[in-house]
Amino acid sequence: MLYRDAPTVEVSTLIEGATVDQVWDLVTDITLPTRAAGELESTEWVGDPGVAVGARFRGTNTAEHLGTWVGECEITEVDPGRRWVWQ
C-alpha cells in the first residue's frame, strides 16, 4: 500500500449495555489512547476543545529508537453519535 492511495482505518463493533452517548464520550476522548501501552504519551486540544469540524488536537509520541515527536490532527467530519474523522 502506498501513502498516495490514502489508506484509512475504519472499525465497527457492537457494545452492549452502554448508551450511544456513553460510547460516543469514550470514542471521542482524545486522552483515552494515552492510557494504553504504546508510544502515544499525551494529547491536548489546540484552541477550543471539542469534537467539531476544524478543531485540532496534538499528540506527543515517544519511541526508544525514534525519539519524541508531535503530530497535530484536524477534525474533518463529524456525525454526532456515529462517526468522527480526523487527518
PDB file of N, CA and C in Angstrom:
ATOM      1  N   MET A   1       0.844  -1.172   0.000  1.00  0.00           N
ATOM      2  CA  MET A   1       0.000   0.000   0.000  1.00  0.00           C
ATOM      3  C   MET A   1       0.891   1.237   0.000  1.00  0.00           C
ATOM      4  N   LEU A   2       0.487   2.217  -0.758  1.00  0.00           N
ATOM      5  CA  LEU A   2       1.226   3.464  -0.852  1.00  0.00           C
ATOM      6  C   LEU A   2       0.470   4.590  -0.163  1.00  0.00           C
ATOM      7  N   TYR A   3       1.197   5.554   0.348  1.00  0.00           N
ATOM      8  CA  TYR A   3       0.576   6.707   1.002  1.00  0.00           C
ATOM      9  C   TYR A   3      -0.363   7.430   0.052  1.00  0.00           C
ATOM     10  N   ARG A   4       0.012   7.519  -1.212  1.00  0.00           N
ATOM     11  CA  ARG A   4      -0.825   8.231  -2.186  1.00  0.00           C
ATOM     12  C   ARG A   4      -2.162   7.533  -2.421  1.00  0.00           C
ATOM     13  N   ASP A   5      -2.291   6.262  -1.972  1.00  0.00           N
ATOM     14  CA  ASP A   5      -3.558   5.545  -2.073  1.00  0.00           C
ATOM     15  C   ASP A   5      -4.538   5.950  -0.966  1.00  0.00           C
ATOM     16  N   ALA A   6      -4.100   6.868  -0.088  1.00  0.00           N
ATOM     17  CA  ALA A   6      -4.917   7.383   1.015  1.00  0.00           C
ATOM     18  C   ALA A   6      -5.450   6.258   1.905  1.00  0.00           C
ATOM     19  N   PRO A   7      -4.543   5.502   2.527  1.00  0.00           N
ATOM     20  CA  PRO A   7      -5.001   4.413   3.398  1.00  0.00           C
ATOM     21  C   PRO A   7      -5.815   4.956   4.572  1.00  0.00           C
ATOM     22  N   THR A   8      -6.821   4.198   4.968  1.00  0.00           N
ATOM     23  CA  THR A   8      -7.686   4.597   6.082  1.00  0.00           C
ATOM     24  C   THR A   8      -7.919   3.397   6.993  1.00  0.00           C
ATOM     25  N   VAL A   9      -8.433   3.690   8.178  1.00  0.00           N
ATOM     26  CA  VAL A   9      -8.819   2.644   9.113  1.00  0.00           C
ATOM     27  C   VAL A   9     -10.245   2.934   9.544  1.00  0.00           C
ATOM     28  N   GLU A  10     -11.084   1.936   9.506  1.00  0.00           N
ATOM     29  CA  GLU A  10     -12.466   2.072   9.962  1.00  0.00           C
ATOM     30  C   GLU A  10     -12.796   0.850  10.796  1.00  0.00           C
ATOM     31  N   VAL A  11     -13.412   1.075  11.956  1.00  0.00           N
ATOM     32  CA  VAL A  11     -13.727  -0.019  12.859  1.00  0.00           C
ATOM     33  C   VAL A  11     -15.180   0.083  13.281  1.00  0.00           C
ATOM     34  N   SER A  12     -15.870  -1.045  13.306  1.00  0.00           N
ATOM     35  CA  SER A  12     -17.243  -1.102  13.801  1.00  0.00           C
ATOM     36  C   SER A  12     -17.346  -2.239  14.800  1.00  0.00           C
ATOM     37  N   THR A  13     -18.078  -1.995  15.885  1.00  0.00           N
ATOM     38  CA  THR A  13     -18.324  -3.049  16.861  1.00  0.00           C
ATOM     39  C   THR A  13     -19.610  -2.735  17.614  1.00  0.00           C
ATOM     40  N   LEU A  14     -20.261  -3.765  18.098  1.00  0.00           N
ATOM     41  CA  LEU A  14     -21.478  -3.610  18.889  1.00  0.00           C
ATOM     42  C   LEU A  14     -21.088  -3.657  20.358  1.00  0.00           C
ATOM     43  N   ILE A  15     -21.470  -2.632  21.108  1.00  0.00           N
ATOM     44  CA  ILE A  15     -21.173  -2.581  22.534  1.00  0.00           C
ATOM     45  C   ILE A  15     -22.501  -2.644  23.272  1.00  0.00           C
ATOM     46  N   GLU A  16     -22.740  -3.774  23.924  1.00  0.00           N
ATOM     47  CA  GLU A  16     -23.996  -3.962  24.639  1.00  0.00           C
ATOM     48  C   GLU A  16     -23.901  -3.370  26.044  1.00  0.00           C
ATOM     49  N   GLY A  17     -25.009  -2.855  26.563  1.00  0.00           N
ATOM     50  CA  GLY A  17     -25.055  -2.366  27.927  1.00  0.00           C
ATOM     51  C   GLY A  17     -24.597  -0.929  28.094  1.00  0.00           C
ATOM     52  N   ALA A  18     -24.388  -0.227  27.000  1.00  0.00           N
ATOM     53  CA  ALA A  18     -23.969   1.178  27.070  1.00  0.00           C
ATOM     54  C   ALA A  18     -24.855   1.995  26.137  1.00  0.00           C
ATOM     55  N   THR A  19     -25.078   3.240  26.513  1.00  0.00           N
ATOM     56  CA  THR A  19     -25.865   4.115  25.645  1.00  0.00           C
ATOM     57  C   THR A  19     -24.966   4.673  24.542  1.00  0.00           C
ATOM     58  N   VAL A  20     -25.592   5.183  23.506  1.00  0.00           N
ATOM     59  CA  VAL A  20     -24.838   5.823  22.426  1.00  0.00           C
ATOM     60  C   VAL A  20     -23.998   6.969  22.983  1.00  0.00           C
ATOM     61  N   ASP A  21     -24.561   7.752  23.892  1.00  0.00           N
ATOM     62  CA  ASP A  21     -23.822   8.876  24.473  1.00  0.00           C
ATOM     63  C   ASP A  21     -22.603   8.410  25.265  1.00  0.00           C
ATOM     64  N   GLN A  22     -22.736   7.312  26.009  1.00  0.00           N
ATOM     65  CA  GLN A  22     -21.604   6.788  26.775  1.00  0.00           C
ATOM     66  C   GLN A  22     -20.476   6.341  25.847  1.00  0.00           C
ATOM     67  N   VAL A  23     -20.831   5.639  24.795  1.00  0.00           N
ATOM     68  CA  VAL A  23     -19.822   5.169  23.839  1.00  0.00           C
ATOM     69  C   VAL A  23     -19.202   6.351  23.095  1.00  0.00           C
ATOM     70  N   TRP A  24     -20.029   7.309  22.687  1.00  0.00           N
ATOM     71  CA  TRP A  24     -19.527   8.496  21.982  1.00  0.00           C
ATOM     72  C   TRP A  24     -18.507   9.239  22.839  1.00  0.00           C
ATOM     73  N   ASP A  25     -18.796   9.378  24.136  1.00  0.00           N
ATOM     74  CA  ASP A  25     -17.857  10.054  25.037  1.00  0.00           C
ATOM     75  C   ASP A  25     -16.515   9.334  25.082  1.00  0.00           C
ATOM     76  N   LEU A  26     -16.522   8.008  25.061  1.00  0.00           N
ATOM     77  CA  LEU A  26     -15.267   7.248  25.062  1.00  0.00           C
ATOM     78  C   LEU A  26     -14.531   7.363  23.728  1.00  0.00           C
ATOM     79  N   VAL A  27     -15.273   7.208  22.646  1.00  0.00           N
ATOM     80  CA  VAL A  27     -14.664   7.222  21.315  1.00  0.00           C
ATOM     81  C   VAL A  27     -14.033   8.574  21.001  1.00  0.00           C
ATOM     82  N   THR A  28     -14.620   9.642  21.500  1.00  0.00           N
ATOM     83  CA  THR A  28     -14.115  10.980  21.194  1.00  0.00           C
ATOM     84  C   THR A  28     -13.204  11.545  22.286  1.00  0.00           C
ATOM     85  N   ASP A  29     -12.855  10.725  23.277  1.00  0.00           N
ATOM     86  CA  ASP A  29     -11.942  11.156  24.339  1.00  0.00           C
ATOM     87  C   ASP A  29     -10.510  11.040  23.818  1.00  0.00           C
ATOM     88  N   ILE A  30      -9.902  12.162  23.446  1.00  0.00           N
ATOM     89  CA  ILE A  30      -8.562  12.116  22.847  1.00  0.00           C
ATOM     90  C   ILE A  30      -7.497  11.657  23.835  1.00  0.00           C
ATOM     91  N   THR A  31      -7.803  11.653  25.134  1.00  0.00           N
ATOM     92  CA  THR A  31      -6.821  11.198  26.125  1.00  0.00           C
ATOM     93  C   THR A  31      -6.881   9.689  26.354  1.00  0.00           C
ATOM     94  N   LEU A  32      -7.946   9.037  25.938  1.00  0.00           N
ATOM     95  CA  LEU A  32      -8.110   7.601  26.196  1.00  0.00           C
ATOM     96  C   LEU A  32      -6.949   6.752  25.668  1.00  0.00           C
ATOM     97  N   PRO A  33      -6.473   6.954  24.438  1.00  0.00           N
ATOM     98  CA  PRO A  33      -5.378   6.117  23.945  1.00  0.00           C
ATOM     99  C   PRO A  33      -4.075   6.265  24.737  1.00  0.00           C
ATOM    100  N   THR A  34      -3.908   7.358  25.456  1.00  0.00           N
ATOM    101  CA  THR A  34      -2.670   7.529  26.237  1.00  0.00           C
ATOM    102  C   THR A  34      -2.632   6.588  27.436  1.00  0.00           C
ATOM    103  N   ARG A  35      -3.761   5.997  27.788  1.00  0.00           N
ATOM    104  CA  ARG A  35      -3.819   5.087  28.938  1.00  0.00           C
ATOM    105  C   ARG A  35      -3.419   3.663  28.576  1.00  0.00           C
ATOM    106  N   ALA A  36      -3.259   3.390  27.303  1.00  0.00           N
ATOM    107  CA  ALA A  36      -2.827   2.073  26.848  1.00  0.00           C
ATOM    108  C   ALA A  36      -1.314   2.102  26.630  1.00  0.00           C
ATOM    109  N   ALA A  37      -0.689   0.946  26.753  1.00  0.00           N
ATOM    110  CA  ALA A  37       0.740   0.869  26.493  1.00  0.00           C
ATOM    111  C   ALA A  37       0.991   1.186  25.023  1.00  0.00           C
ATOM    112  N   GLY A  38       1.946   2.026  24.762  1.00  0.00           N
ATOM    113  CA  GLY A  38       2.271   2.389  23.391  1.00  0.00           C
ATOM    114  C   GLY A  38       3.061   3.673  23.354  1.00  0.00           C
ATOM    115  N   GLU A  39       3.288   4.174  22.167  1.00  0.00           N
ATOM    116  CA  GLU A  39       4.148   5.341  22.015  1.00  0.00           C
ATOM    117  C   GLU A  39       3.444   6.669  22.253  1.00  0.00           C
ATOM    118  N   LEU A  40       2.103   6.702  22.237  1.00  0.00           N
ATOM    119  CA  LEU A  40       1.384   7.954  22.470  1.00  0.00           C
ATOM    120  C   LEU A  40       1.455   8.303  23.953  1.00  0.00           C
ATOM    121  N   GLU A  41       2.133   9.401  24.263  1.00  0.00           N
ATOM    122  CA  GLU A  41       2.367   9.795  25.653  1.00  0.00           C
ATOM    123  C   GLU A  41       1.333  10.776  26.178  1.00  0.00           C
ATOM    124  N   SER A  42       0.927  11.739  25.351  1.00  0.00           N
ATOM    125  CA  SER A  42      -0.011  12.756  25.818  1.00  0.00           C
ATOM    126  C   SER A  42      -0.764  13.343  24.635  1.00  0.00           C
ATOM    127  N   THR A  43      -1.925  13.908  24.945  1.00  0.00           N
ATOM    128  CA  THR A  43      -2.728  14.597  23.930  1.00  0.00           C
ATOM    129  C   THR A  43      -3.270  15.878  24.534  1.00  0.00           C
ATOM    130  N   GLU A  44      -3.544  16.839  23.665  1.00  0.00           N
ATOM    131  CA  GLU A  44      -4.122  18.095  24.130  1.00  0.00           C
ATOM    132  C   GLU A  44      -4.846  18.760  22.967  1.00  0.00           C
ATOM    133  N   TRP A  45      -5.887  19.494  23.310  1.00  0.00           N
ATOM    134  CA  TRP A  45      -6.595  20.271  22.307  1.00  0.00           C
ATOM    135  C   TRP A  45      -5.777  21.511  21.969  1.00  0.00           C
ATOM    136  N   VAL A  46      -5.832  21.908  20.723  1.00  0.00           N
ATOM    137  CA  VAL A  46      -5.194  23.137  20.261  1.00  0.00           C
ATOM    138  C   VAL A  46      -6.327  24.133  20.043  1.00  0.00           C
ATOM    139  N   GLY A  47      -6.398  25.140  20.880  1.00  0.00           N
ATOM    140  CA  GLY A  47      -7.527  26.066  20.809  1.00  0.00           C
ATOM    141  C   GLY A  47      -8.701  25.523  21.590  1.00  0.00           C
ATOM    142  N   ASP A  48      -9.906  25.811  21.099  1.00  0.00           N
ATOM    143  CA  ASP A  48     -11.117  25.385  21.801  1.00  0.00           C
ATOM    144  C   ASP A  48     -11.245  23.866  21.772  1.00  0.00           C
ATOM    145  N   PRO A  49     -11.452  23.245  22.943  1.00  0.00           N
ATOM    146  CA  PRO A  49     -11.598  21.789  22.972  1.00  0.00           C
ATOM    147  C   PRO A  49     -12.976  21.363  22.478  1.00  0.00           C
ATOM    148  N   GLY A  50     -13.048  20.199  21.892  1.00  0.00           N
ATOM    149  CA  GLY A  50     -14.335  19.645  21.499  1.00  0.00           C
ATOM    150  C   GLY A  50     -14.333  19.081  20.102  1.00  0.00           C
ATOM    151  N   VAL A  51     -15.206  18.124  19.902  1.00  0.00           N
ATOM    152  CA  VAL A  51     -15.303  17.429  18.621  1.00  0.00           C
ATOM    153  C   VAL A  51     -16.172  18.250  17.678  1.00  0.00           C
ATOM    154  N   ALA A  52     -15.520  18.972  16.780  1.00  0.00           N
ATOM    155  CA  ALA A  52     -16.200  19.802  15.785  1.00  0.00           C
ATOM    156  C   ALA A  52     -15.303  19.921  14.566  1.00  0.00           C
ATOM    157  N   VAL A  53     -15.904  20.030  13.412  1.00  0.00           N
ATOM    158  CA  VAL A  53     -15.112  20.200  12.187  1.00  0.00           C
ATOM    159  C   VAL A  53     -14.225  21.432  12.340  1.00  0.00           C
ATOM    160  N   GLY A  54     -12.949  21.262  12.031  1.00  0.00           N
ATOM    161  CA  GLY A  54     -11.979  22.345  12.133  1.00  0.00           C
ATOM    162  C   GLY A  54     -11.215  22.361  13.445  1.00  0.00           C
ATOM    163  N   ALA A  55     -11.714  21.657  14.470  1.00  0.00           N
ATOM    164  CA  ALA A  55     -10.997  21.600  15.747  1.00  0.00           C
ATOM    165  C   ALA A  55      -9.698  20.806  15.561  1.00  0.00           C
ATOM    166  N   ARG A  56      -8.702  21.155  16.363  1.00  0.00           N
ATOM    167  CA  ARG A  56      -7.392  20.500  16.263  1.00  0.00           C
ATOM    168  C   ARG A  56      -6.978  19.940  17.613  1.00  0.00           C
ATOM    169  N   PHE A  57      -6.250  18.818  17.550  1.00  0.00           N
ATOM    170  CA  PHE A  57      -5.631  18.282  18.748  1.00  0.00           C
ATOM    171  C   PHE A  57      -4.223  17.795  18.407  1.00  0.00           C
ATOM    172  N   ARG A  58      -3.400  17.732  19.427  1.00  0.00           N
ATOM    173  CA  ARG A  58      -1.982  17.414  19.249  1.00  0.00           C
ATOM    174  C   ARG A  58      -1.634  16.216  20.123  1.00  0.00           C
ATOM    175  N   GLY A  59      -0.824  15.320  19.594  1.00  0.00           N
ATOM    176  CA  GLY A  59      -0.350  14.163  20.343  1.00  0.00           C
ATOM    177  C   GLY A  59       1.159  14.141  20.387  1.00  0.00           C
ATOM    178  N   THR A  60       1.708  13.822  21.548  1.00  0.00           N
ATOM    179  CA  THR A  60       3.154  13.682  21.713  1.00  0.00           C
ATOM    180  C   THR A  60       3.466  12.197  21.841  1.00  0.00           C
ATOM    181  N   ASN A  61       4.387  11.735  21.002  1.00  0.00           N
ATOM    182  CA  ASN A  61       4.760  10.326  20.932  1.00  0.00           C
ATOM    183  C   ASN A  61       6.231  10.154  21.282  1.00  0.00           C
ATOM    184  N   THR A  62       6.546   9.001  21.855  1.00  0.00           N
ATOM    185  CA  THR A  62       7.936   8.674  22.155  1.00  0.00           C
ATOM    186  C   THR A  62       8.175   7.204  21.851  1.00  0.00           C
ATOM    187  N   ALA A  63       9.270   6.933  21.160  1.00  0.00           N
ATOM    188  CA  ALA A  63       9.685   5.561  20.881  1.00  0.00           C
ATOM    189  C   ALA A  63      11.197   5.482  21.099  1.00  0.00           C
ATOM    190  N   GLU A  64      11.620   4.398  21.674  1.00  0.00           N
ATOM    191  CA  GLU A  64      13.028   4.246  22.063  1.00  0.00           C
ATOM    192  C   GLU A  64      14.002   4.573  20.939  1.00  0.00           C
ATOM    193  N   HIS A  65      13.772   4.048  19.767  1.00  0.00           N
ATOM    194  CA  HIS A  65      14.734   4.218  18.663  1.00  0.00           C
ATOM    195  C   HIS A  65      14.430   5.411  17.759  1.00  0.00           C
ATOM    196  N   LEU A  66      13.302   6.080  17.996  1.00  0.00           N
ATOM    197  CA  LEU A  66      12.936   7.214  17.152  1.00  0.00           C
ATOM    198  C   LEU A  66      12.937   8.544  17.888  1.00  0.00           C
ATOM    199  N   GLY A  67      12.922   8.504  19.215  1.00  0.00           N
ATOM    200  CA  GLY A  67      12.888   9.737  19.984  1.00  0.00           C
ATOM    201  C   GLY A  67      11.464  10.193  20.216  1.00  0.00           C
ATOM    202  N   THR A  68      11.296  11.507  20.330  1.00  0.00           N
ATOM    203  CA  THR A  68       9.986  12.106  20.613  1.00  0.00           C
ATOM    204  C   THR A  68       9.570  12.978  19.440  1.00  0.00           C
ATOM    205  N   TRP A  69       8.285  12.929  19.097  1.00  0.00           N
ATOM    206  CA  TRP A  69       7.755  13.777  18.037  1.00  0.00           C
ATOM    207  C   TRP A  69       6.309  14.138  18.359  1.00  0.00           C
ATOM    208  N   VAL A  70       5.846  15.194  17.718  1.00  0.00           N
ATOM    209  CA  VAL A  70       4.496  15.701  17.941  1.00  0.00           C
ATOM    210  C   VAL A  70       3.745  15.673  16.619  1.00  0.00           C
ATOM    211  N   GLY A  71       2.516  15.199  16.669  1.00  0.00           N
ATOM    212  CA  GLY A  71       1.647  15.203  15.495  1.00  0.00           C
ATOM    213  C   GLY A  71       0.409  16.027  15.801  1.00  0.00           C
ATOM    214  N   GLU A  72      -0.048  16.789  14.826  1.00  0.00           N
ATOM    215  CA  GLU A  72      -1.252  17.589  15.016  1.00  0.00           C
ATOM    216  C   GLU A  72      -2.317  17.129  14.032  1.00  0.00           C
ATOM    217  N   CYS A  73      -3.543  16.950  14.540  1.00  0.00           N
ATOM    218  CA  CYS A  73      -4.649  16.454  13.739  1.00  0.00           C
ATOM    219  C   CYS A  73      -5.750  17.497  13.664  1.00  0.00           C
ATOM    220  N   GLU A  74      -6.472  17.490  12.555  1.00  0.00           N
ATOM    221  CA  GLU A  74      -7.633  18.365  12.392  1.00  0.00           C
ATOM    222  C   GLU A  74      -8.853  17.502  12.126  1.00  0.00           C
ATOM    223  N   ILE A  75      -9.937  17.802  12.830  1.00  0.00           N
ATOM    224  CA  ILE A  75     -11.186  17.075  12.626  1.00  0.00           C
ATOM    225  C   ILE A  75     -11.825  17.575  11.330  1.00  0.00           C
ATOM    226  N   THR A  76     -12.129  16.628  10.433  1.00  0.00           N
ATOM    227  CA  THR A  76     -12.640  16.987   9.112  1.00  0.00           C
ATOM    228  C   THR A  76     -14.101  16.614   8.898  1.00  0.00           C
ATOM    229  N   GLU A  77     -14.621  15.681   9.686  1.00  0.00           N
ATOM    230  CA  GLU A  77     -16.027  15.282   9.571  1.00  0.00           C
ATOM    231  C   GLU A  77     -16.544  14.896  10.944  1.00  0.00           C
ATOM    232  N   VAL A  78     -17.804  15.240  11.220  1.00  0.00           N
ATOM    233  CA  VAL A  78     -18.459  14.825  12.459  1.00  0.00           C
ATOM    234  C   VAL A  78     -19.906  14.473  12.158  1.00  0.00           C
ATOM    235  N   ASP A  79     -20.297  13.280  12.559  1.00  0.00           N
ATOM    236  CA  ASP A  79     -21.690  12.843  12.541  1.00  0.00           C
ATOM    237  C   ASP A  79     -21.962  12.419  13.985  1.00  0.00           C
ATOM    238  N   PRO A  80     -22.443  13.343  14.832  1.00  0.00           N
ATOM    239  CA  PRO A  80     -22.538  13.098  16.272  1.00  0.00           C
ATOM    240  C   PRO A  80     -23.200  11.766  16.629  1.00  0.00           C
ATOM    241  N   GLY A  81     -22.539  11.056  17.514  1.00  0.00           N
ATOM    242  CA  GLY A  81     -23.051   9.771  17.961  1.00  0.00           C
ATOM    243  C   GLY A  81     -22.759   8.617  17.032  1.00  0.00           C
ATOM    244  N   ARG A  82     -22.166   8.917  15.889  1.00  0.00           N
ATOM    245  CA  ARG A  82     -21.897   7.852  14.899  1.00  0.00           C
ATOM    246  C   ARG A  82     -20.459   7.819  14.417  1.00  0.00           C
ATOM    247  N   ARG A  83     -19.902   8.982  14.092  1.00  0.00           N
ATOM    248  CA  ARG A  83     -18.621   8.971  13.386  1.00  0.00           C
ATOM    249  C   ARG A  83     -17.928  10.305  13.509  1.00  0.00           C
ATOM    250  N   TRP A  84     -16.612  10.259  13.654  1.00  0.00           N
ATOM    251  CA  TRP A  84     -15.808  11.471  13.531  1.00  0.00           C
ATOM    252  C   TRP A  84     -14.522  11.098  12.814  1.00  0.00           C
ATOM    253  N   VAL A  85     -14.031  12.023  12.010  1.00  0.00           N
ATOM    254  CA  VAL A  85     -12.872  11.770  11.147  1.00  0.00           C
ATOM    255  C   VAL A  85     -11.860  12.866  11.381  1.00  0.00           C
ATOM    256  N   TRP A  86     -10.604  12.464  11.503  1.00  0.00           N
ATOM    257  CA  TRP A  86      -9.536  13.459  11.614  1.00  0.00           C
ATOM    258  C   TRP A  86      -8.390  13.065  10.706  1.00  0.00           C
ATOM    259  N   GLN A  87      -7.612  14.067  10.353  1.00  0.00           N
ATOM    260  CA  GLN A  87      -6.442  13.843   9.491  1.00  0.00           C
ATOM    261  C   GLN A  87      -5.231  14.430  10.184  1.00  0.00           C
TER     262      GLN A  87
END
